[in-house]
Amino acid sequence: MSGACLRGLNSSTSVVSHTAASLGGVPVGGRHTAGVDVSQLTVAPGAGVSAFGRVVSAAGAVWFEPPLAVRAIGYLPGREPAPRPSGLGVVVRGVDLAALLELREKDGALEGWAAITGVWQDDELTVTAQSTLRPPPTPDPPSWTVPPCQPPAGGWPSGSDVPTGFDDALAALRASGGAVHITMFSPAGRGQVPVACASDPSWPKAGCARCAGSGCA
């Protein structure tokens, strides 16, 4: 599929497709889409978009691509292959190729990086602004190692088994509609500690009592 990760200027939705075809109930990419609303994942014609990505100029066309994984191949200096499109980008017009970040040229093709703002129309991106400003790095995901409550006497349970009684307590909470979210913590690698967020303020005390103090609520 030809697509790029574009972010709407007035939207927080990341976009991975630029096709205008209807996806209602037809197989796309080997998967069936019946009942799936993808309208919020596509950029409408004429929409303003902004993203940081790779720009590739080769064979008379210029492409804008999302950051992709790169194979760790050690080429000798000067033996690197010429830049070429990945097939996962979109056609872009109006890029200042000389202003690209980390510009590399070989055999008539070139590649580099840029933050681009533009307008999406007719399956093409027309640039209205360009810079070399990189997005901030993605923060590391939570480690889920420190439960948000004090450990019971003797410390948290060890082993991989779910604490005795916790399944029954969580089942009751789910049945009541009070479970907002449940996460398994692993403090100091000792084992699993279920932590339940409840919408009912009266549940935690009773719930933890039913868990024999081996979980959090």
C-alpha atoms as a PDB file:
ATOM      1  CA  MET A   1       0.000   0.000   0.000  1.00  0.00           C
ATOM      2  CA  SER A   2       1.196   3.464  -0.808  1.00  0.00           C
ATOM      3  CA  GLY A   3       0.767   5.646   2.278  1.00  0.00           C
ATOM      4  CA  ALA A   4       2.548   7.911   4.701  1.00  0.00           C
ATOM      5  CA  CYS A   5       2.194   8.799   8.342  1.00  0.00           C
ATOM      6  CA  LEU A   6       0.611  12.240   8.140  1.00  0.00           C
ATOM      7  CA  ARG A   7      -0.819  14.156  11.065  1.00  0.00           C
ATOM      8  CA  GLY A   8      -3.745  16.485  10.462  1.00  0.00           C
ATOM      9  CA  LEU A   9      -3.075  20.023  11.644  1.00  0.00           C
ATOM     10  CA  ASN A  10      -6.441  20.102  13.404  1.00  0.00           C
ATOM     11  CA  SER A  11      -6.521  16.450  14.394  1.00  0.00           C
ATOM     12  CA  SER A  12      -4.540  14.006  16.518  1.00  0.00           C
ATOM     13  CA  THR A  13      -5.229  11.099  14.165  1.00  0.00           C
ATOM     14  CA  SER A  14      -2.223   9.427  12.537  1.00  0.00           C
ATOM     15  CA  VAL A  15      -2.832   8.460   8.937  1.00  0.00           C
ATOM     16  CA  VAL A  16      -1.522   5.453   7.103  1.00  0.00           C
ATOM     17  CA  SER A  17      -3.559   5.538   3.911  1.00  0.00           C
ATOM     18  CA  HIS A  18      -4.250   8.041   1.198  1.00  0.00           C
ATOM     19  CA  THR A  19      -6.685   6.040  -0.926  1.00  0.00           C
ATOM     20  CA  ALA A  20     -10.175   7.412  -1.423  1.00  0.00           C
ATOM     21  CA  ALA A  21     -11.773   4.005  -1.986  1.00  0.00           C
ATOM     22  CA  SER A  22     -14.649   2.914   0.225  1.00  0.00           C
ATOM     23  CA  LEU A  23     -13.608   0.199   2.677  1.00  0.00           C
ATOM     24  CA  GLY A  24     -17.090  -0.856   3.760  1.00  0.00           C
ATOM     25  CA  GLY A  25     -17.048  -4.633   3.893  1.00  0.00           C
ATOM     26  CA  VAL A  26     -14.510  -5.283   1.145  1.00  0.00           C
ATOM     27  CA  PRO A  27     -11.239  -7.157   1.582  1.00  0.00           C
ATOM     28  CA  VAL A  28      -8.312  -4.725   1.739  1.00  0.00           C
ATOM     29  CA  GLY A  29      -4.749  -5.955   2.079  1.00  0.00           C
ATOM     30  CA  GLY A  30      -5.962  -9.483   2.761  1.00  0.00           C
ATOM     31  CA  ARG A  31      -8.196  -8.411   5.669  1.00  0.00           C
ATOM     32  CA  HIS A  32     -11.950  -7.939   5.802  1.00  0.00           C
ATOM     33  CA  THR A  33     -13.115  -4.500   6.905  1.00  0.00           C
ATOM     34  CA  ALA A  34     -16.814  -5.083   7.527  1.00  0.00           C
ATOM     35  CA  GLY A  35     -17.934  -3.144  10.577  1.00  0.00           C
ATOM     36  CA  VAL A  36     -14.662  -1.197  10.795  1.00  0.00           C
ATOM     37  CA  ASP A  37     -14.893   2.592  10.624  1.00  0.00           C
ATOM     38  CA  VAL A  38     -11.651   3.845   9.086  1.00  0.00           C
ATOM     39  CA  SER A  39     -12.958   7.310   8.240  1.00  0.00           C
ATOM     40  CA  GLN A  40     -11.080   8.834  11.166  1.00  0.00           C
ATOM     41  CA  LEU A  41      -7.800   7.319   9.934  1.00  0.00           C
ATOM     42  CA  THR A  42      -7.793   8.952   6.511  1.00  0.00           C
ATOM     43  CA  VAL A  43      -6.964  12.464   5.373  1.00  0.00           C
ATOM     44  CA  ALA A  44      -9.729  14.238   3.473  1.00  0.00           C
ATOM     45  CA  PRO A  45      -8.888  15.989   0.197  1.00  0.00           C
ATOM     46  CA  GLY A  46      -7.829  19.561   0.859  1.00  0.00           C
ATOM     47  CA  ALA A  47      -6.845  18.858   4.476  1.00  0.00           C
ATOM     48  CA  GLY A  48      -3.740  20.390   6.001  1.00  0.00           C
ATOM     49  CA  VAL A  49      -1.230  17.848   7.254  1.00  0.00           C
ATOM     50  CA  SER A  50       2.141  17.885   8.995  1.00  0.00           C
ATOM     51  CA  ALA A  51       4.710  15.162   9.624  1.00  0.00           C
ATOM     52  CA  PHE A  52       8.422  14.392   9.912  1.00  0.00           C
ATOM     53  CA  GLY A  53       9.765  11.792   7.526  1.00  0.00           C
ATOM     54  CA  ARG A  54      12.133  10.671   4.799  1.00  0.00           C
ATOM     55  CA  VAL A  55      12.180  12.378   1.413  1.00  0.00           C
ATOM     56  CA  VAL A  56      13.416  10.346  -1.558  1.00  0.00           C
ATOM     57  CA  SER A  57      14.020  11.690  -5.056  1.00  0.00           C
ATOM     58  CA  ALA A  58      14.539   8.971  -7.655  1.00  0.00           C
ATOM     59  CA  ALA A  59      13.495   8.162 -11.211  1.00  0.00           C
ATOM     60  CA  GLY A  60      11.948  11.592 -11.744  1.00  0.00           C
ATOM     61  CA  ALA A  61       9.620  11.467  -8.711  1.00  0.00           C
ATOM     62  CA  VAL A  62       9.847  12.729  -5.127  1.00  0.00           C
ATOM     63  CA  TRP A  63       8.345  10.694  -2.306  1.00  0.00           C
ATOM     64  CA  PHE A  64       7.607  11.439   1.347  1.00  0.00           C
ATOM     65  CA  GLU A  65       7.778   8.420   3.647  1.00  0.00           C
ATOM     66  CA  PRO A  66       7.269   7.667   7.343  1.00  0.00           C
ATOM     67  CA  PRO A  67      10.340   6.691   9.404  1.00  0.00           C
ATOM     68  CA  LEU A  68      10.861   2.979   8.770  1.00  0.00           C
ATOM     69  CA  ALA A  69      13.099   0.303  10.207  1.00  0.00           C
ATOM     70  CA  VAL A  70      16.489   0.101   8.483  1.00  0.00           C
ATOM     71  CA  ARG A  71      18.436  -3.123   8.047  1.00  0.00           C
ATOM     72  CA  ALA A  72      21.679  -3.121   9.994  1.00  0.00           C
ATOM     73  CA  ILE A  73      23.991  -3.871   7.072  1.00  0.00           C
ATOM     74  CA  GLY A  74      27.572  -2.658   7.289  1.00  0.00           C
ATOM     75  CA  TYR A  75      28.500  -1.269   3.872  1.00  0.00           C
ATOM     76  CA  LEU A  76      32.046  -0.180   3.097  1.00  0.00           C
ATOM     77  CA  PRO A  77      32.383   3.590   2.594  1.00  0.00           C
ATOM     78  CA  GLY A  78      31.191   4.457  -0.891  1.00  0.00           C
ATOM     79  CA  ARG A  79      29.595   1.057  -1.411  1.00  0.00           C
ATOM     80  CA  GLU A  80      26.180   1.990  -0.019  1.00  0.00           C
ATOM     81  CA  PRO A  81      23.292   1.458  -2.452  1.00  0.00           C
ATOM     82  CA  ALA A  82      21.660   4.458  -4.083  1.00  0.00           C
ATOM     83  CA  PRO A  83      18.579   5.866  -2.330  1.00  0.00           C
ATOM     84  CA  ARG A  84      15.308   4.404  -3.509  1.00  0.00           C
ATOM     85  CA  PRO A  85      11.671   4.686  -2.405  1.00  0.00           C
ATOM     86  CA  SER A  86      10.290   2.047  -0.040  1.00  0.00           C
ATOM     87  CA  GLY A  87       6.881   1.859  -1.711  1.00  0.00           C
ATOM     88  CA  LEU A  88       5.207   3.090   1.481  1.00  0.00           C
ATOM     89  CA  GLY A  89       5.308   6.813   0.712  1.00  0.00           C
ATOM     90  CA  VAL A  90       3.234   9.419  -1.063  1.00  0.00           C
ATOM     91  CA  VAL A  91       4.146  11.725  -3.923  1.00  0.00           C
ATOM     92  CA  VAL A  92       5.210  15.144  -2.635  1.00  0.00           C
ATOM     93  CA  ARG A  93       5.660  18.373  -4.567  1.00  0.00           C
ATOM     94  CA  GLY A  94       7.450  21.563  -3.612  1.00  0.00           C
ATOM     95  CA  VAL A  95      10.187  20.084  -1.403  1.00  0.00           C
ATOM     96  CA  ASP A  96      13.448  22.047  -1.155  1.00  0.00           C
ATOM     97  CA  LEU A  97      15.779  19.092  -1.694  1.00  0.00           C
ATOM     98  CA  ALA A  98      18.887  21.132  -0.912  1.00  0.00           C
ATOM     99  CA  ALA A  99      17.515  21.893   2.579  1.00  0.00           C
ATOM    100  CA  LEU A 100      16.998  18.262   3.621  1.00  0.00           C
ATOM    101  CA  LEU A 101      18.548  17.005   6.829  1.00  0.00           C
ATOM    102  CA  GLU A 102      21.276  14.337   6.439  1.00  0.00           C
ATOM    103  CA  LEU A 103      21.187  14.733   2.666  1.00  0.00           C
ATOM    104  CA  ARG A 104      22.738  11.820   0.736  1.00  0.00           C
ATOM    105  CA  GLU A 105      23.140  11.549  -3.038  1.00  0.00           C
ATOM    106  CA  LYS A 106      24.257   8.695  -5.260  1.00  0.00           C
ATOM    107  CA  ASP A 107      23.703   7.664  -8.885  1.00  0.00           C
ATOM    108  CA  GLY A 108      21.296  10.529  -9.541  1.00  0.00           C
ATOM    109  CA  ALA A 109      19.060   9.758  -6.559  1.00  0.00           C
ATOM    110  CA  LEU A 110      19.005  11.486  -3.201  1.00  0.00           C
ATOM    111  CA  GLU A 111      17.410  11.144   0.213  1.00  0.00           C
ATOM    112  CA  GLY A 112      17.121  13.175   3.392  1.00  0.00           C
ATOM    113  CA  TRP A 113      14.783  14.081   6.236  1.00  0.00           C
ATOM    114  CA  ALA A 114      12.387  16.964   6.759  1.00  0.00           C
ATOM    115  CA  ALA A 115       9.429  18.185   8.763  1.00  0.00           C
ATOM    116  CA  ILE A 116       6.810  19.004   6.155  1.00  0.00           C
ATOM    117  CA  THR A 117       3.523  20.870   6.319  1.00  0.00           C
ATOM    118  CA  GLY A 118       1.296  20.818   3.303  1.00  0.00           C
ATOM    119  CA  VAL A 119      -2.074  20.201   1.688  1.00  0.00           C
ATOM    120  CA  TRP A 120      -3.330  16.747   0.696  1.00  0.00           C
ATOM    121  CA  GLN A 121      -5.080  16.795  -2.682  1.00  0.00           C
ATOM    122  CA  ASP A 122      -5.417  14.354  -5.603  1.00  0.00           C
ATOM    123  CA  ASP A 123      -3.298  11.691  -3.872  1.00  0.00           C
ATOM    124  CA  GLU A 124      -0.373  14.110  -3.585  1.00  0.00           C
ATOM    125  CA  LEU A 125       1.095  16.287  -0.846  1.00  0.00           C
ATOM    126  CA  THR A 126       1.915  19.880  -1.796  1.00  0.00           C
ATOM    127  CA  VAL A 127       4.412  21.502   0.571  1.00  0.00           C
ATOM    128  CA  THR A 128       3.570  24.841   2.185  1.00  0.00           C
ATOM    129  CA  ALA A 129       6.314  24.818   4.854  1.00  0.00           C
ATOM    130  CA  GLN A 130       9.479  22.814   5.452  1.00  0.00           C
ATOM    131  CA  SER A 131      12.023  22.581   8.281  1.00  0.00           C
ATOM    132  CA  THR A 132      14.584  20.212   9.791  1.00  0.00           C
ATOM    133  CA  LEU A 133      12.917  20.153  13.217  1.00  0.00           C
ATOM    134  CA  ARG A 134      12.771  16.575  14.490  1.00  0.00           C
ATOM    135  CA  PRO A 135       9.847  15.468  16.678  1.00  0.00           C
ATOM    136  CA  PRO A 136      10.627  14.760  20.350  1.00  0.00           C
ATOM    137  CA  PRO A 137      11.615  11.151  21.111  1.00  0.00           C
ATOM    138  CA  THR A 138       8.867   8.756  22.114  1.00  0.00           C
ATOM    139  CA  PRO A 139       8.906   8.260  25.891  1.00  0.00           C
ATOM    140  CA  ASP A 140       9.608   4.797  27.234  1.00  0.00           C
ATOM    141  CA  PRO A 141       6.465   2.840  28.129  1.00  0.00           C
ATOM    142  CA  PRO A 142       5.591   2.398  31.816  1.00  0.00           C
ATOM    143  CA  SER A 143       7.502  -0.412  33.481  1.00  0.00           C
ATOM    144  CA  TRP A 144       4.636  -1.392  35.809  1.00  0.00           C
ATOM    145  CA  THR A 145       7.000  -2.494  38.593  1.00  0.00           C
ATOM    146  CA  VAL A 146       5.848  -0.413  41.593  1.00  0.00           C
ATOM    147  CA  PRO A 147       2.214  -0.976  42.637  1.00  0.00           C
ATOM    148  CA  PRO A 148       0.469   2.219  43.798  1.00  0.00           C
ATOM    149  CA  CYS A 149      -0.120   0.935  47.332  1.00  0.00           C
ATOM    150  CA  GLN A 150       1.831  -0.431  50.283  1.00  0.00           C
ATOM    151  CA  PRO A 151       2.889  -4.108  50.213  1.00  0.00           C
ATOM    152  CA  PRO A 152       1.258  -6.507  52.665  1.00  0.00           C
ATOM    153  CA  ALA A 153       3.117  -7.926  55.669  1.00  0.00           C
ATOM    154  CA  GLY A 154       5.900 -10.150  54.348  1.00  0.00           C
ATOM    155  CA  GLY A 155       6.075  -8.315  51.039  1.00  0.00           C
ATOM    156  CA  TRP A 156       4.459  -8.944  47.710  1.00  0.00           C
ATOM    157  CA  PRO A 157       3.831 -12.589  46.734  1.00  0.00           C
ATOM    158  CA  SER A 158       6.428 -14.341  44.606  1.00  0.00           C
ATOM    159  CA  GLY A 159       5.871 -16.683  41.695  1.00  0.00           C
ATOM    160  CA  SER A 160       3.712 -16.344  38.607  1.00  0.00           C
ATOM    161  CA  ASP A 161       0.386 -17.395  40.093  1.00  0.00           C
ATOM    162  CA  VAL A 162      -2.371 -14.817  40.497  1.00  0.00           C
ATOM    163  CA  PRO A 163      -3.011 -14.228  44.241  1.00  0.00           C
ATOM    164  CA  THR A 164      -5.663 -16.418  45.827  1.00  0.00           C
ATOM    165  CA  GLY A 165      -9.091 -14.844  45.776  1.00  0.00           C
ATOM    166  CA  PHE A 166      -8.226 -12.048  43.386  1.00  0.00           C
ATOM    167  CA  ASP A 167      -9.987 -13.612  40.405  1.00  0.00           C
ATOM    168  CA  ASP A 168     -13.231 -13.824  42.383  1.00  0.00           C
ATOM    169  CA  ALA A 169     -12.869 -10.238  43.555  1.00  0.00           C
ATOM    170  CA  LEU A 170     -12.215  -8.978  40.031  1.00  0.00           C
ATOM    171  CA  ALA A 171     -15.095 -11.019  38.638  1.00  0.00           C
ATOM    172  CA  ALA A 172     -17.409  -9.373  41.161  1.00  0.00           C
ATOM    173  CA  LEU A 173     -16.034  -5.948  40.276  1.00  0.00           C
ATOM    174  CA  ARG A 174     -16.472  -6.547  36.555  1.00  0.00           C
ATOM    175  CA  ALA A 175     -20.020  -7.800  37.106  1.00  0.00           C
ATOM    176  CA  SER A 176     -20.830  -4.626  38.999  1.00  0.00           C
ATOM    177  CA  GLY A 177     -19.454  -2.500  36.158  1.00  0.00           C
ATOM    178  CA  GLY A 178     -17.009  -0.856  38.544  1.00  0.00           C
ATOM    179  CA  ALA A 179     -13.700  -1.978  36.982  1.00  0.00           C
ATOM    180  CA  VAL A 180     -12.148   0.908  35.076  1.00  0.00           C
ATOM    181  CA  HIS A 181      -8.846  -0.784  34.293  1.00  0.00           C
ATOM    182  CA  ILE A 182      -6.786  -3.766  35.494  1.00  0.00           C
ATOM    183  CA  THR A 183      -2.986  -3.957  35.196  1.00  0.00           C
ATOM    184  CA  MET A 184      -0.547  -6.663  36.275  1.00  0.00           C
ATOM    185  CA  PHE A 185       2.500  -5.263  38.111  1.00  0.00           C
ATOM    186  CA  SER A 186       5.737  -7.154  38.770  1.00  0.00           C
ATOM    187  CA  PRO A 187       7.552  -5.546  41.734  1.00  0.00           C
ATOM    188  CA  ALA A 188      11.259  -6.431  41.795  1.00  0.00           C
ATOM    189  CA  GLY A 189      10.579  -9.455  39.611  1.00  0.00           C
ATOM    190  CA  ARG A 190       8.881 -11.242  42.523  1.00  0.00           C
ATOM    191  CA  GLY A 191       5.671 -12.122  40.742  1.00  0.00           C
ATOM    192  CA  GLN A 192       2.384 -10.726  39.521  1.00  0.00           C
ATOM    193  CA  VAL A 193       0.409  -8.182  41.509  1.00  0.00           C
ATOM    194  CA  PRO A 194      -2.985  -7.332  39.985  1.00  0.00           C
ATOM    195  CA  VAL A 195      -3.944  -3.669  40.361  1.00  0.00           C
ATOM    196  CA  ALA A 196      -7.541  -2.707  39.729  1.00  0.00           C
ATOM    197  CA  CYS A 197      -8.908   0.791  39.292  1.00  0.00           C
ATOM    198  CA  ALA A 198     -12.497   1.021  40.500  1.00  0.00           C
ATOM    199  CA  SER A 199     -15.174   3.622  39.854  1.00  0.00           C
ATOM    200  CA  ASP A 200     -16.873   2.701  43.134  1.00  0.00           C
ATOM    201  CA  PRO A 201     -14.936   4.270  46.063  1.00  0.00           C
ATOM    202  CA  SER A 202     -16.394   1.681  48.458  1.00  0.00           C
ATOM    203  CA  TRP A 203     -14.926  -1.300  46.579  1.00  0.00           C
ATOM    204  CA  PRO A 204     -11.156  -1.057  47.268  1.00  0.00           C
ATOM    205  CA  LYS A 205     -11.345  -1.808  50.986  1.00  0.00           C
ATOM    206  CA  ALA A 206     -13.677  -4.788  50.562  1.00  0.00           C
ATOM    207  CA  GLY A 207     -11.938  -5.903  47.380  1.00  0.00           C
ATOM    208  CA  CYS A 208      -8.460  -5.948  48.900  1.00  0.00           C
ATOM    209  CA  ALA A 209      -9.765  -7.805  51.911  1.00  0.00           C
ATOM    210  CA  ARG A 210     -11.100 -10.503  49.591  1.00  0.00           C
ATOM    211  CA  CYS A 211      -7.671 -10.636  47.900  1.00  0.00           C
ATOM    212  CA  ALA A 212      -5.939 -11.409  51.193  1.00  0.00           C
ATOM    213  CA  GLY A 213      -3.829  -8.277  50.776  1.00  0.00           C
ATOM    214  CA  SER A 214      -2.041  -9.582  47.690  1.00  0.00           C
ATOM    215  CA  GLY A 215      -3.358  -7.067  45.200  1.00  0.00           C
ATOM    216  CA  CYS A 216      -4.206  -3.384  44.878  1.00  0.00           C
ATOM    217  CA  ALA A 217      -7.516  -1.733  44.199  1.00  0.00           C
END
